[in-house]
């Protein structure tokens, strides 16, 4: 079942057979440069399971990003609840396979997630938690209309928090 659809992509819930495609992304050192480390097999499995649990608990999570033309899983994008300095926030997150970088897919997927959050879920504000050195991710957030809000320690690291209010 498609959760969201764009001109080139559709987003759907993770499935068991997505492991190989997602692990290829999450285990890649360049893709995960701004994370503490690339994901192990176990960490990728936990990532999938955590998001499947989010679908049931929150009604949303990170979804598989698939190319319409080929059905290939090229990343993930979606909404997650995050605790930032004691405040419950909803974050838009995205990861795209590096062979598809520069094609606008992260922006395309995140744009429809933003619209879902504001127009169907009823969020009043969204955030992006970004390593301050991750210029590509900052550029995506800015294209979505997010602006720098503050710096905060999240996931035991200093991050830039970008925010967008409806």
N, C-alpha and C. Protein backbone atom coordinates (compact mmCIF):
# COMPACT_ATOMS: atom_id res chain seq x y z
N UNK A 1 0.84 -1.19 0.00
CA UNK A 1 0.00 0.00 0.00
C UNK A 1 0.89 1.25 0.00
N UNK A 2 0.60 2.17 -0.89
CA UNK A 2 1.35 3.42 -0.96
C UNK A 2 0.81 4.39 0.09
N UNK A 3 1.71 4.94 0.88
CA UNK A 3 1.35 5.95 1.86
C UNK A 3 1.25 7.30 1.17
N UNK A 4 2.26 7.59 0.37
CA UNK A 4 2.35 8.85 -0.36
C UNK A 4 2.86 8.58 -1.76
N UNK A 5 2.56 9.51 -2.68
CA UNK A 5 3.02 9.36 -4.05
C UNK A 5 3.40 10.73 -4.60
N UNK A 6 4.47 10.75 -5.38
CA UNK A 6 4.92 11.97 -6.05
C UNK A 6 5.05 11.68 -7.54
N UNK A 7 5.60 12.60 -8.29
CA UNK A 7 5.77 12.37 -9.73
C UNK A 7 6.66 11.16 -10.03
N UNK A 8 7.73 11.00 -9.25
CA UNK A 8 8.71 9.95 -9.55
C UNK A 8 8.77 8.83 -8.51
N UNK A 9 8.16 9.05 -7.36
CA UNK A 9 8.35 8.16 -6.21
C UNK A 9 7.02 7.75 -5.58
N UNK A 10 7.10 6.66 -4.83
CA UNK A 10 6.04 6.38 -3.87
C UNK A 10 6.70 5.95 -2.57
N UNK A 11 6.03 6.24 -1.48
CA UNK A 11 6.50 5.87 -0.15
C UNK A 11 5.53 4.85 0.42
N UNK A 12 6.09 3.81 1.02
CA UNK A 12 5.28 2.75 1.60
C UNK A 12 5.94 2.25 2.87
N UNK A 13 5.19 1.50 3.66
CA UNK A 13 5.75 0.93 4.87
C UNK A 13 6.87 -0.06 4.52
N UNK A 14 7.84 -0.14 5.42
CA UNK A 14 8.91 -1.13 5.25
C UNK A 14 8.32 -2.54 5.19
N UNK A 15 8.98 -3.38 4.39
CA UNK A 15 8.65 -4.79 4.31
C UNK A 15 9.91 -5.59 4.61
N UNK A 16 9.74 -6.86 4.97
CA UNK A 16 10.90 -7.70 5.31
C UNK A 16 11.91 -7.76 4.18
N UNK A 17 11.44 -7.79 2.93
CA UNK A 17 12.37 -7.91 1.80
C UNK A 17 13.08 -6.60 1.46
N UNK A 18 12.87 -5.54 2.25
CA UNK A 18 13.58 -4.27 2.05
C UNK A 18 14.96 -4.28 2.70
N UNK A 19 15.27 -5.29 3.49
CA UNK A 19 16.50 -5.29 4.25
C UNK A 19 17.73 -5.04 3.38
N UNK A 20 17.89 -5.77 2.30
CA UNK A 20 19.11 -5.65 1.47
C UNK A 20 19.28 -4.23 0.93
N UNK A 21 18.20 -3.66 0.41
CA UNK A 21 18.29 -2.31 -0.14
C UNK A 21 18.62 -1.29 0.94
N UNK A 22 17.96 -1.42 2.10
CA UNK A 22 18.20 -0.46 3.19
C UNK A 22 19.59 -0.65 3.80
N UNK A 23 20.01 -1.90 3.95
CA UNK A 23 21.33 -2.12 4.54
C UNK A 23 22.44 -1.60 3.62
N UNK A 24 22.24 -1.68 2.33
CA UNK A 24 23.24 -1.13 1.38
C UNK A 24 23.41 0.37 1.62
N UNK A 25 22.34 1.05 1.98
CA UNK A 25 22.40 2.49 2.26
C UNK A 25 23.01 2.74 3.63
N UNK A 26 22.46 2.09 4.66
CA UNK A 26 22.85 2.36 6.04
C UNK A 26 24.23 1.83 6.41
N UNK A 27 24.76 0.88 5.65
CA UNK A 27 26.09 0.35 5.96
C UNK A 27 27.19 1.08 5.18
N UNK A 28 26.81 2.00 4.32
CA UNK A 28 27.77 2.73 3.50
C UNK A 28 28.40 3.88 4.30
N UNK A 29 29.71 3.89 4.38
CA UNK A 29 30.42 4.89 5.20
C UNK A 29 30.17 6.31 4.71
N UNK A 30 30.12 6.53 3.41
CA UNK A 30 29.91 7.89 2.90
C UNK A 30 28.48 8.38 3.22
N UNK A 31 27.52 7.52 3.01
CA UNK A 31 26.13 7.88 3.30
C UNK A 31 25.93 8.19 4.78
N UNK A 32 26.58 7.42 5.64
CA UNK A 32 26.39 7.54 7.09
C UNK A 32 27.49 8.38 7.75
N UNK A 33 28.15 9.19 6.97
CA UNK A 33 29.26 10.02 7.46
C UNK A 33 28.89 10.84 8.68
N UNK A 34 27.66 11.31 8.77
CA UNK A 34 27.26 12.19 9.86
C UNK A 34 26.54 11.45 10.99
N UNK A 35 26.54 10.14 10.93
CA UNK A 35 26.07 9.29 12.02
C UNK A 35 27.30 8.82 12.79
N UNK A 36 27.12 8.33 14.01
CA UNK A 36 28.29 7.84 14.75
C UNK A 36 29.06 6.75 14.01
N UNK A 37 28.35 5.90 13.25
CA UNK A 37 29.00 4.83 12.49
C UNK A 37 28.00 4.27 11.50
N UNK A 38 28.49 3.66 10.41
CA UNK A 38 27.57 2.94 9.52
C UNK A 38 26.87 1.84 10.31
N UNK A 39 25.71 1.43 9.83
CA UNK A 39 24.91 0.43 10.53
C UNK A 39 25.45 -0.98 10.30
N UNK A 40 25.40 -1.76 11.34
CA UNK A 40 25.65 -3.19 11.25
C UNK A 40 24.38 -3.86 10.73
N UNK A 41 24.47 -5.15 10.45
CA UNK A 41 23.29 -5.92 10.05
C UNK A 41 22.22 -5.81 11.13
N UNK A 42 22.62 -5.99 12.38
CA UNK A 42 21.68 -5.95 13.49
C UNK A 42 21.03 -4.57 13.63
N UNK A 43 21.81 -3.51 13.47
CA UNK A 43 21.29 -2.14 13.59
C UNK A 43 20.26 -1.87 12.48
N UNK A 44 20.53 -2.34 11.28
CA UNK A 44 19.57 -2.16 10.18
C UNK A 44 18.28 -2.91 10.48
N UNK A 45 18.39 -4.14 10.96
CA UNK A 45 17.19 -4.91 11.32
C UNK A 45 16.39 -4.18 12.40
N UNK A 46 17.08 -3.64 13.40
CA UNK A 46 16.41 -2.88 14.46
C UNK A 46 15.74 -1.63 13.93
N UNK A 47 16.39 -0.95 12.97
CA UNK A 47 15.85 0.26 12.34
C UNK A 47 14.51 -0.05 11.67
N UNK A 48 14.49 -1.15 10.93
CA UNK A 48 13.26 -1.56 10.24
C UNK A 48 12.18 -1.88 11.26
N UNK A 49 12.52 -2.67 12.26
CA UNK A 49 11.55 -3.07 13.29
C UNK A 49 11.03 -1.86 14.07
N UNK A 50 11.92 -0.94 14.42
CA UNK A 50 11.51 0.26 15.14
C UNK A 50 10.48 1.04 14.34
N UNK A 51 10.71 1.19 13.05
CA UNK A 51 9.76 1.94 12.22
C UNK A 51 8.46 1.18 12.02
N UNK A 52 8.51 -0.12 11.92
CA UNK A 52 7.27 -0.90 11.83
C UNK A 52 6.44 -0.72 13.11
N UNK A 53 7.12 -0.65 14.25
CA UNK A 53 6.42 -0.38 15.51
C UNK A 53 5.84 1.03 15.53
N UNK A 54 6.57 1.99 14.97
CA UNK A 54 6.07 3.37 14.91
C UNK A 54 4.78 3.46 14.11
N UNK A 55 4.69 2.68 13.02
CA UNK A 55 3.46 2.72 12.21
C UNK A 55 2.25 2.39 13.08
N UNK A 56 2.41 1.40 13.95
CA UNK A 56 1.29 0.98 14.81
C UNK A 56 1.06 1.96 15.96
N UNK A 57 2.14 2.44 16.58
CA UNK A 57 2.01 3.31 17.74
C UNK A 57 1.65 4.75 17.39
N UNK A 58 2.31 5.29 16.37
CA UNK A 58 2.17 6.71 16.05
C UNK A 58 1.32 6.98 14.81
N UNK A 59 1.16 5.96 13.98
CA UNK A 59 0.45 6.16 12.72
C UNK A 59 1.37 6.64 11.61
N UNK A 60 2.66 6.76 11.91
CA UNK A 60 3.65 7.18 10.92
C UNK A 60 5.03 6.72 11.38
N UNK A 61 6.00 6.89 10.51
CA UNK A 61 7.38 6.53 10.78
C UNK A 61 8.18 6.85 9.53
N UNK A 62 9.35 6.24 9.40
CA UNK A 62 10.10 6.36 8.15
C UNK A 62 9.58 5.29 7.21
N UNK A 63 9.35 5.68 5.97
CA UNK A 63 8.81 4.76 4.97
C UNK A 63 9.85 4.51 3.88
N UNK A 64 9.74 3.38 3.22
CA UNK A 64 10.60 3.07 2.08
C UNK A 64 10.27 4.03 0.94
N UNK A 65 11.32 4.61 0.36
CA UNK A 65 11.17 5.47 -0.82
C UNK A 65 11.48 4.61 -2.04
N UNK A 66 10.50 4.50 -2.94
CA UNK A 66 10.62 3.62 -4.11
C UNK A 66 10.46 4.42 -5.39
N UNK A 67 11.26 4.06 -6.39
CA UNK A 67 11.10 4.66 -7.71
C UNK A 67 9.86 4.07 -8.37
N UNK A 68 8.99 4.91 -8.90
CA UNK A 68 7.78 4.42 -9.56
C UNK A 68 8.10 3.53 -10.76
N UNK A 69 9.11 3.92 -11.54
CA UNK A 69 9.40 3.20 -12.78
C UNK A 69 9.90 1.78 -12.56
N UNK A 70 10.61 1.55 -11.44
CA UNK A 70 11.27 0.25 -11.25
C UNK A 70 10.87 -0.46 -9.96
N UNK A 71 10.18 0.22 -9.06
CA UNK A 71 9.84 -0.29 -7.73
C UNK A 71 11.06 -0.48 -6.83
N UNK A 72 12.21 0.02 -7.26
CA UNK A 72 13.43 -0.11 -6.46
C UNK A 72 13.35 0.76 -5.21
N UNK A 73 13.75 0.20 -4.07
CA UNK A 73 13.85 0.96 -2.83
C UNK A 73 15.16 1.74 -2.89
N UNK A 74 15.05 3.08 -2.88
CA UNK A 74 16.26 3.92 -3.01
C UNK A 74 16.55 4.69 -1.72
N UNK A 75 15.75 4.47 -0.68
CA UNK A 75 16.00 5.17 0.57
C UNK A 75 14.81 5.09 1.49
N UNK A 76 14.81 6.02 2.44
CA UNK A 76 13.65 6.15 3.32
C UNK A 76 13.41 7.62 3.61
N UNK A 77 12.19 7.91 4.00
CA UNK A 77 11.80 9.27 4.34
C UNK A 77 10.51 9.17 5.13
N UNK A 78 10.35 10.09 6.06
CA UNK A 78 9.10 10.08 6.81
C UNK A 78 9.18 10.92 8.05
N UNK A 79 8.30 10.60 8.97
CA UNK A 79 8.11 11.39 10.18
C UNK A 79 8.39 10.53 11.40
N UNK A 80 9.10 11.09 12.36
CA UNK A 80 9.37 10.39 13.62
C UNK A 80 9.22 11.35 14.78
N UNK A 81 8.72 10.82 15.88
CA UNK A 81 8.65 11.61 17.11
C UNK A 81 10.04 11.64 17.73
N UNK A 82 10.47 12.83 18.16
CA UNK A 82 11.78 13.00 18.78
C UNK A 82 11.63 13.86 20.03
N UNK A 83 12.46 13.58 21.01
CA UNK A 83 12.51 14.39 22.22
C UNK A 83 13.73 15.30 22.12
N UNK A 84 13.51 16.61 22.06
CA UNK A 84 14.58 17.58 21.93
C UNK A 84 14.48 18.56 23.09
N UNK A 85 15.47 18.51 23.95
CA UNK A 85 15.52 19.38 25.13
C UNK A 85 14.21 19.34 25.93
N UNK A 86 13.69 18.14 26.10
CA UNK A 86 12.48 17.95 26.90
C UNK A 86 11.18 18.20 26.16
N UNK A 87 11.25 18.60 24.89
CA UNK A 87 10.05 18.87 24.10
C UNK A 87 9.82 17.75 23.09
N UNK A 88 8.57 17.30 22.99
CA UNK A 88 8.20 16.32 21.97
C UNK A 88 8.02 17.04 20.64
N UNK A 89 8.74 16.57 19.64
CA UNK A 89 8.73 17.18 18.32
C UNK A 89 8.46 16.10 17.28
N UNK A 90 8.05 16.51 16.09
CA UNK A 90 7.95 15.60 14.95
C UNK A 90 9.01 16.02 13.94
N UNK A 91 9.85 15.07 13.58
CA UNK A 91 10.95 15.32 12.65
C UNK A 91 10.66 14.71 11.29
N UNK A 92 11.06 15.41 10.24
CA UNK A 92 11.13 14.82 8.91
C UNK A 92 12.56 14.32 8.74
N UNK A 93 12.70 13.04 8.42
CA UNK A 93 14.02 12.46 8.18
C UNK A 93 14.07 11.84 6.81
N UNK A 94 15.29 11.72 6.27
CA UNK A 94 15.45 11.18 4.93
C UNK A 94 16.86 10.63 4.75
N UNK A 95 16.95 9.53 4.04
CA UNK A 95 18.21 8.90 3.62
C UNK A 95 17.98 8.40 2.19
N UNK A 96 18.86 8.74 1.29
CA UNK A 96 18.75 8.30 -0.10
C UNK A 96 20.05 7.62 -0.50
N UNK A 97 19.94 6.52 -1.21
CA UNK A 97 21.11 5.80 -1.73
C UNK A 97 21.98 6.79 -2.51
N UNK A 98 23.28 6.77 -2.24
CA UNK A 98 24.16 7.79 -2.82
C UNK A 98 24.19 7.77 -4.35
N UNK A 99 23.86 6.65 -4.97
CA UNK A 99 23.84 6.65 -6.44
C UNK A 99 22.68 7.48 -7.00
N UNK A 100 21.76 7.92 -6.12
CA UNK A 100 20.64 8.76 -6.53
C UNK A 100 20.73 10.18 -5.98
N UNK A 101 21.85 10.52 -5.36
CA UNK A 101 22.02 11.88 -4.84
C UNK A 101 22.01 12.88 -5.99
N UNK A 102 21.55 14.07 -5.71
CA UNK A 102 21.57 15.16 -6.69
C UNK A 102 20.43 15.12 -7.69
N UNK A 103 19.48 14.22 -7.51
CA UNK A 103 18.35 14.11 -8.44
C UNK A 103 17.06 14.70 -7.86
N UNK A 104 17.14 15.23 -6.63
CA UNK A 104 15.97 15.86 -6.02
C UNK A 104 15.02 14.91 -5.32
N UNK A 105 15.40 13.63 -5.19
CA UNK A 105 14.48 12.66 -4.60
C UNK A 105 14.24 12.90 -3.11
N UNK A 106 15.25 13.30 -2.36
CA UNK A 106 15.04 13.57 -0.93
C UNK A 106 14.06 14.73 -0.77
N UNK A 107 14.23 15.78 -1.55
CA UNK A 107 13.32 16.93 -1.49
C UNK A 107 11.91 16.53 -1.90
N UNK A 108 11.81 15.74 -2.95
CA UNK A 108 10.49 15.32 -3.45
C UNK A 108 9.75 14.48 -2.40
N UNK A 109 10.46 13.53 -1.80
CA UNK A 109 9.84 12.66 -0.79
C UNK A 109 9.49 13.46 0.47
N UNK A 110 10.41 14.30 0.91
CA UNK A 110 10.19 15.06 2.14
C UNK A 110 9.09 16.11 1.98
N UNK A 111 8.93 16.64 0.79
CA UNK A 111 7.86 17.61 0.54
C UNK A 111 6.50 16.98 0.78
N UNK A 112 6.29 15.77 0.29
CA UNK A 112 4.98 15.14 0.50
C UNK A 112 4.80 14.73 1.96
N UNK A 113 5.89 14.41 2.67
CA UNK A 113 5.81 14.11 4.11
C UNK A 113 5.44 15.37 4.89
N UNK A 114 6.00 16.50 4.49
CA UNK A 114 5.66 17.78 5.13
C UNK A 114 4.18 18.07 4.97
N UNK A 115 3.66 17.89 3.78
CA UNK A 115 2.25 18.16 3.53
C UNK A 115 1.35 17.22 4.33
N UNK A 116 1.72 15.96 4.40
CA UNK A 116 0.97 14.99 5.20
C UNK A 116 0.95 15.41 6.67
N UNK A 117 2.10 15.80 7.19
CA UNK A 117 2.21 16.19 8.60
C UNK A 117 1.32 17.38 8.92
N UNK A 118 1.36 18.39 8.07
CA UNK A 118 0.58 19.60 8.33
C UNK A 118 -0.91 19.44 8.01
N UNK A 119 -1.22 18.77 6.92
CA UNK A 119 -2.61 18.77 6.43
C UNK A 119 -3.44 17.58 6.87
N UNK A 120 -2.80 16.47 7.24
CA UNK A 120 -3.58 15.30 7.64
C UNK A 120 -3.33 14.90 9.09
N UNK A 121 -2.10 14.98 9.53
CA UNK A 121 -1.78 14.59 10.90
C UNK A 121 -2.08 15.73 11.87
N UNK A 122 -1.99 16.97 11.39
CA UNK A 122 -2.32 18.12 12.23
C UNK A 122 -1.14 18.71 12.99
N UNK A 123 0.08 18.43 12.54
CA UNK A 123 1.26 19.02 13.18
C UNK A 123 1.25 20.54 12.97
N UNK A 124 1.67 21.26 13.98
CA UNK A 124 1.79 22.72 13.90
C UNK A 124 3.21 23.14 13.56
N UNK A 125 4.18 22.27 13.92
CA UNK A 125 5.59 22.54 13.65
C UNK A 125 6.29 21.23 13.35
N UNK A 126 7.26 21.30 12.46
CA UNK A 126 8.13 20.16 12.14
C UNK A 126 9.57 20.59 12.33
N UNK A 127 10.42 19.62 12.61
CA UNK A 127 11.85 19.91 12.72
C UNK A 127 12.65 18.94 11.84
N UNK A 128 13.88 19.32 11.59
CA UNK A 128 14.90 18.45 11.02
C UNK A 128 16.09 18.53 11.97
N UNK A 129 16.59 17.39 12.40
CA UNK A 129 17.76 17.32 13.27
C UNK A 129 18.94 16.98 12.36
N UNK A 130 19.88 17.91 12.24
CA UNK A 130 20.93 17.77 11.22
C UNK A 130 22.30 18.05 11.83
N UNK A 131 23.25 17.18 11.52
CA UNK A 131 24.64 17.45 11.88
C UNK A 131 25.02 18.77 11.19
N UNK A 132 25.60 19.73 11.92
CA UNK A 132 25.88 21.04 11.32
C UNK A 132 26.81 21.00 10.11
N UNK A 133 27.55 19.92 9.94
CA UNK A 133 28.46 19.81 8.79
C UNK A 133 27.81 19.17 7.56
N UNK A 134 26.59 18.67 7.72
CA UNK A 134 25.91 17.98 6.64
C UNK A 134 25.20 18.98 5.73
N UNK A 135 25.97 19.58 4.85
CA UNK A 135 25.47 20.65 3.98
C UNK A 135 24.36 20.18 3.05
N UNK A 136 24.45 18.93 2.55
CA UNK A 136 23.42 18.43 1.63
C UNK A 136 22.06 18.32 2.34
N UNK A 137 22.07 17.82 3.56
CA UNK A 137 20.83 17.68 4.31
C UNK A 137 20.25 19.05 4.68
N UNK A 138 21.13 19.97 5.01
CA UNK A 138 20.69 21.34 5.30
C UNK A 138 20.03 21.95 4.06
N UNK A 139 20.62 21.70 2.91
CA UNK A 139 20.07 22.24 1.66
C UNK A 139 18.66 21.68 1.40
N UNK A 140 18.47 20.39 1.66
CA UNK A 140 17.14 19.79 1.49
C UNK A 140 16.15 20.47 2.44
N UNK A 141 16.52 20.60 3.71
CA UNK A 141 15.63 21.23 4.70
C UNK A 141 15.26 22.65 4.26
N UNK A 142 16.23 23.41 3.78
CA UNK A 142 15.96 24.78 3.35
C UNK A 142 15.04 24.82 2.14
N UNK A 143 15.19 23.87 1.22
CA UNK A 143 14.30 23.81 0.06
C UNK A 143 12.86 23.55 0.50
N UNK A 144 12.69 22.87 1.63
CA UNK A 144 11.37 22.58 2.17
C UNK A 144 10.78 23.75 2.95
N UNK A 145 11.59 24.80 3.15
CA UNK A 145 11.12 25.98 3.87
C UNK A 145 11.58 26.04 5.32
N UNK A 146 12.36 25.07 5.77
CA UNK A 146 12.88 25.07 7.14
C UNK A 146 13.97 26.11 7.28
N UNK A 147 14.06 26.69 8.47
CA UNK A 147 15.13 27.63 8.77
C UNK A 147 15.82 27.20 10.07
N UNK A 148 17.05 27.64 10.23
CA UNK A 148 17.80 27.31 11.44
C UNK A 148 17.05 27.84 12.64
N UNK A 149 16.88 26.98 13.64
CA UNK A 149 16.14 27.34 14.85
C UNK A 149 17.08 27.45 16.04
N UNK A 150 17.93 26.43 16.25
CA UNK A 150 18.85 26.43 17.39
C UNK A 150 19.80 25.24 17.28
N UNK A 151 20.77 25.23 18.16
CA UNK A 151 21.63 24.06 18.31
C UNK A 151 21.20 23.33 19.57
N UNK A 152 21.30 22.01 19.54
CA UNK A 152 20.90 21.21 20.70
C UNK A 152 21.68 19.90 20.69
N UNK A 153 21.87 19.35 21.86
CA UNK A 153 22.47 18.02 21.97
C UNK A 153 21.34 17.00 21.79
N UNK A 154 21.43 16.24 20.72
CA UNK A 154 20.47 15.19 20.41
C UNK A 154 21.28 13.96 20.02
N UNK A 155 20.88 12.80 20.50
CA UNK A 155 21.62 11.57 20.22
C UNK A 155 23.08 11.69 20.66
N UNK A 156 23.28 12.39 21.78
CA UNK A 156 24.62 12.58 22.38
C UNK A 156 25.59 13.36 21.50
N UNK A 157 25.08 14.16 20.57
CA UNK A 157 25.91 14.98 19.70
C UNK A 157 25.25 16.35 19.50
N UNK A 158 26.08 17.34 19.22
CA UNK A 158 25.56 18.66 18.88
C UNK A 158 24.95 18.61 17.48
N UNK A 159 23.71 19.04 17.36
CA UNK A 159 23.01 19.09 16.08
C UNK A 159 22.40 20.47 15.87
N UNK A 160 22.21 20.81 14.62
CA UNK A 160 21.44 21.99 14.25
C UNK A 160 19.99 21.56 14.13
N UNK A 161 19.12 22.30 14.74
CA UNK A 161 17.69 22.03 14.64
C UNK A 161 17.09 23.05 13.67
N UNK A 162 16.55 22.55 12.59
CA UNK A 162 15.84 23.40 11.64
C UNK A 162 14.35 23.21 11.90
N UNK A 163 13.58 24.26 11.77
CA UNK A 163 12.16 24.18 12.09
C UNK A 163 11.32 24.86 11.03
N UNK A 164 10.08 24.39 10.92
CA UNK A 164 9.09 24.97 10.01
C UNK A 164 7.75 24.92 10.73
N UNK A 165 7.11 26.09 10.83
CA UNK A 165 5.80 26.19 11.45
C UNK A 165 4.76 26.35 10.37
N UNK A 166 3.62 25.67 10.54
CA UNK A 166 2.54 25.74 9.55
C UNK A 166 2.02 27.16 9.45
